[in-house]
C-alpha cells in the first residue's frame, strides 16, 4: 500500500510503500494524534526503512491501494 504524508509549510511530501494494512496505519496515526502526547509517529516501509514524522507537522495523510509495478513512460 502506498502512503503519502503532507508536511505543514513544506512543498514536498513523504511518499513510501508499506506492507501494513490501511487499518493498521490509520490506527497508529489516530492514536498518535488523539493523545497529543506523542511528538513523533513512526512508519516502516516495505524495505525496512523507518520514517519518523512530527505529529504537529502533519498536514494530511493519503492511504492508497496496492500499486503495481509501473512500466513505461509518464507523459
N, C-alpha and C. Protein backbone atom coordinates (compact mmCIF):
# COMPACT_ATOMS: atom_id res chain seq x y z
N UNK A 1 0.83 -1.16 0.00
CA UNK A 1 0.00 0.00 0.00
C UNK A 1 0.89 1.24 0.00
N UNK A 2 0.49 2.23 -0.73
CA UNK A 2 1.24 3.48 -0.83
C UNK A 2 0.72 4.46 0.22
N UNK A 3 1.64 5.16 0.89
CA UNK A 3 1.30 6.15 1.91
C UNK A 3 1.96 7.47 1.53
N UNK A 4 1.19 8.54 1.58
CA UNK A 4 1.71 9.89 1.33
C UNK A 4 1.36 10.74 2.54
N UNK A 5 2.37 11.45 3.04
CA UNK A 5 2.17 12.31 4.20
C UNK A 5 2.60 13.71 3.81
N UNK A 6 1.67 14.65 3.90
CA UNK A 6 1.96 16.05 3.64
C UNK A 6 2.44 16.73 4.91
N UNK A 7 3.46 17.55 4.79
CA UNK A 7 4.05 18.24 5.93
C UNK A 7 3.72 19.73 5.84
N UNK A 8 3.32 20.31 6.97
CA UNK A 8 2.96 21.73 7.03
C UNK A 8 4.15 22.58 6.61
N UNK A 9 3.89 23.56 5.77
CA UNK A 9 4.87 24.53 5.27
C UNK A 9 6.06 23.86 4.58
N UNK A 10 5.79 22.77 3.88
CA UNK A 10 6.82 22.10 3.09
C UNK A 10 6.23 21.74 1.74
N UNK A 11 6.91 22.09 0.66
CA UNK A 11 6.36 21.79 -0.67
C UNK A 11 6.45 20.30 -1.03
N UNK A 12 7.27 19.54 -0.32
CA UNK A 12 7.44 18.12 -0.61
C UNK A 12 6.64 17.28 0.37
N UNK A 13 6.35 16.08 -0.04
CA UNK A 13 5.64 15.15 0.83
C UNK A 13 6.46 13.88 1.02
N UNK A 14 6.17 13.15 2.08
CA UNK A 14 6.82 11.87 2.31
C UNK A 14 5.98 10.82 1.61
N UNK A 15 6.64 10.00 0.78
CA UNK A 15 5.94 9.01 -0.03
C UNK A 15 6.68 7.69 0.09
N UNK A 16 5.98 6.63 0.52
CA UNK A 16 6.60 5.32 0.64
C UNK A 16 5.54 4.23 0.53
N UNK A 17 6.01 3.01 0.29
CA UNK A 17 5.12 1.85 0.22
C UNK A 17 5.37 0.97 1.43
N UNK A 18 4.29 0.44 2.00
CA UNK A 18 4.39 -0.39 3.19
C UNK A 18 3.58 -1.67 3.01
N UNK A 19 3.97 -2.69 3.77
CA UNK A 19 3.24 -3.95 3.75
C UNK A 19 2.10 -3.96 4.75
N UNK A 20 1.99 -2.94 5.58
CA UNK A 20 0.94 -2.86 6.58
C UNK A 20 -0.42 -2.62 5.92
N UNK A 21 -1.47 -3.07 6.59
CA UNK A 21 -2.83 -2.85 6.10
C UNK A 21 -3.23 -1.40 6.35
N UNK A 22 -4.14 -0.86 5.54
CA UNK A 22 -4.57 0.53 5.73
C UNK A 22 -5.14 0.78 7.13
N UNK A 23 -5.85 -0.20 7.68
CA UNK A 23 -6.41 -0.04 9.01
C UNK A 23 -5.33 0.08 10.08
N UNK A 24 -4.22 -0.65 9.91
CA UNK A 24 -3.11 -0.57 10.86
C UNK A 24 -2.47 0.81 10.85
N UNK A 25 -2.21 1.33 9.65
CA UNK A 25 -1.59 2.65 9.52
C UNK A 25 -2.51 3.71 10.10
N UNK A 26 -3.78 3.59 9.80
CA UNK A 26 -4.76 4.56 10.31
C UNK A 26 -4.84 4.52 11.83
N UNK A 27 -4.83 3.32 12.42
CA UNK A 27 -4.91 3.19 13.88
C UNK A 27 -3.69 3.81 14.56
N UNK A 28 -2.49 3.57 14.00
CA UNK A 28 -1.27 4.16 14.56
C UNK A 28 -1.34 5.68 14.50
N UNK A 29 -1.78 6.19 13.38
CA UNK A 29 -1.86 7.63 13.19
C UNK A 29 -2.91 8.26 14.10
N UNK A 30 -4.08 7.64 14.19
CA UNK A 30 -5.15 8.19 15.03
C UNK A 30 -4.75 8.20 16.51
N UNK A 31 -4.10 7.14 16.97
CA UNK A 31 -3.70 7.11 18.38
C UNK A 31 -2.63 8.17 18.67
N UNK A 32 -1.71 8.37 17.74
CA UNK A 32 -0.67 9.38 17.94
C UNK A 32 -1.25 10.79 17.96
N UNK A 33 -2.22 11.04 17.10
CA UNK A 33 -2.81 12.38 17.02
C UNK A 33 -3.83 12.62 18.14
N UNK A 34 -4.55 11.60 18.55
CA UNK A 34 -5.60 11.76 19.56
C UNK A 34 -5.01 12.05 20.95
N UNK A 35 -3.96 11.35 21.30
CA UNK A 35 -3.37 11.53 22.62
C UNK A 35 -2.70 12.90 22.74
N UNK A 36 -2.06 13.32 21.69
CA UNK A 36 -1.37 14.60 21.71
C UNK A 36 -0.08 14.58 22.50
N UNK A 37 0.27 13.43 23.07
CA UNK A 37 1.48 13.32 23.88
C UNK A 37 2.67 12.80 23.10
N UNK A 38 2.41 12.19 21.94
CA UNK A 38 3.50 11.64 21.14
C UNK A 38 4.01 12.72 20.19
N UNK A 39 5.27 13.14 20.35
CA UNK A 39 5.80 14.15 19.45
C UNK A 39 6.12 13.60 18.06
N UNK A 40 6.35 12.27 17.97
CA UNK A 40 6.68 11.63 16.70
C UNK A 40 5.81 10.42 16.47
N UNK A 41 5.52 10.14 15.21
CA UNK A 41 4.86 8.90 14.82
C UNK A 41 5.82 8.18 13.88
N UNK A 42 5.89 6.87 14.01
CA UNK A 42 6.87 6.08 13.27
C UNK A 42 6.17 5.18 12.26
N UNK A 43 6.72 5.12 11.04
CA UNK A 43 6.23 4.24 9.99
C UNK A 43 7.41 3.47 9.43
N UNK A 44 7.17 2.23 9.00
CA UNK A 44 8.21 1.41 8.38
C UNK A 44 7.74 1.02 6.99
N UNK A 45 8.60 1.22 5.98
CA UNK A 45 8.23 0.88 4.61
C UNK A 45 8.51 -0.59 4.33
N UNK A 46 8.21 -1.01 3.12
CA UNK A 46 8.34 -2.42 2.74
C UNK A 46 9.80 -2.87 2.65
N UNK A 47 10.74 -1.94 2.59
CA UNK A 47 12.17 -2.29 2.53
C UNK A 47 12.84 -2.23 3.89
N UNK A 48 12.09 -1.87 4.93
CA UNK A 48 12.65 -1.81 6.27
C UNK A 48 13.09 -0.44 6.72
N UNK A 49 12.97 0.58 5.85
CA UNK A 49 13.32 1.95 6.24
C UNK A 49 12.29 2.46 7.23
N UNK A 50 12.74 3.24 8.19
CA UNK A 50 11.83 3.79 9.18
C UNK A 50 11.72 5.30 9.00
N UNK A 51 10.48 5.80 9.06
CA UNK A 51 10.21 7.23 8.91
C UNK A 51 9.63 7.74 10.22
N UNK A 52 10.24 8.78 10.77
CA UNK A 52 9.74 9.43 11.98
C UNK A 52 9.21 10.80 11.58
N UNK A 53 7.93 11.02 11.84
CA UNK A 53 7.27 12.24 11.41
C UNK A 53 6.73 12.97 12.64
N UNK A 54 7.04 14.26 12.79
CA UNK A 54 6.48 15.03 13.91
C UNK A 54 4.96 15.15 13.77
N UNK A 55 4.23 14.78 14.80
CA UNK A 55 2.76 14.79 14.70
C UNK A 55 2.21 16.21 14.51
N UNK A 56 2.88 17.20 15.06
CA UNK A 56 2.40 18.58 14.93
C UNK A 56 2.55 19.11 13.51
N UNK A 57 3.39 18.47 12.70
CA UNK A 57 3.66 18.96 11.34
C UNK A 57 2.87 18.24 10.26
N UNK A 58 2.03 17.28 10.62
CA UNK A 58 1.28 16.52 9.61
C UNK A 58 0.11 17.35 9.10
N UNK A 59 0.11 17.59 7.79
CA UNK A 59 -0.98 18.33 7.15
C UNK A 59 -2.07 17.38 6.67
N UNK A 60 -1.67 16.27 6.04
CA UNK A 60 -2.63 15.27 5.56
C UNK A 60 -1.92 13.94 5.38
N UNK A 61 -2.72 12.89 5.34
CA UNK A 61 -2.20 11.55 5.08
C UNK A 61 -3.10 10.90 4.04
N UNK A 62 -2.48 10.39 2.99
CA UNK A 62 -3.22 9.72 1.91
C UNK A 62 -2.81 8.25 1.91
N UNK A 63 -3.80 7.39 2.09
CA UNK A 63 -3.56 5.95 2.08
C UNK A 63 -4.09 5.40 0.78
N UNK A 64 -3.20 4.83 -0.05
CA UNK A 64 -3.59 4.31 -1.35
C UNK A 64 -3.65 2.80 -1.36
N UNK A 65 -4.15 2.28 -2.44
CA UNK A 65 -4.22 0.84 -2.61
C UNK A 65 -2.88 0.27 -3.01
N UNK A 66 -2.86 -1.01 -3.28
CA UNK A 66 -1.64 -1.64 -3.75
C UNK A 66 -1.28 -1.08 -5.11
N UNK A 67 -0.07 -0.58 -5.22
CA UNK A 67 0.35 -0.06 -6.51
C UNK A 67 1.21 -1.12 -7.19
N UNK A 68 0.79 -1.51 -8.36
CA UNK A 68 1.56 -2.50 -9.11
C UNK A 68 2.83 -1.89 -9.65
N UNK A 69 3.63 -2.71 -10.20
CA UNK A 69 4.88 -2.22 -10.77
C UNK A 69 4.59 -1.37 -11.99
N UNK A 70 5.16 -0.18 -12.02
CA UNK A 70 4.91 0.74 -13.13
C UNK A 70 5.87 0.43 -14.27
N UNK A 71 5.31 0.36 -15.46
CA UNK A 71 6.10 0.06 -16.65
C UNK A 71 5.79 1.12 -17.69
N UNK A 72 6.81 1.61 -18.35
CA UNK A 72 6.60 2.57 -19.42
C UNK A 72 7.00 3.96 -19.00
N UNK A 73 6.60 4.92 -19.83
CA UNK A 73 6.96 6.31 -19.62
C UNK A 73 5.75 7.09 -19.18
N UNK A 74 5.97 8.10 -18.38
CA UNK A 74 4.93 9.01 -17.95
C UNK A 74 5.03 10.26 -18.78
N UNK A 75 3.92 10.69 -19.37
CA UNK A 75 3.98 11.89 -20.19
C UNK A 75 3.27 13.04 -19.53
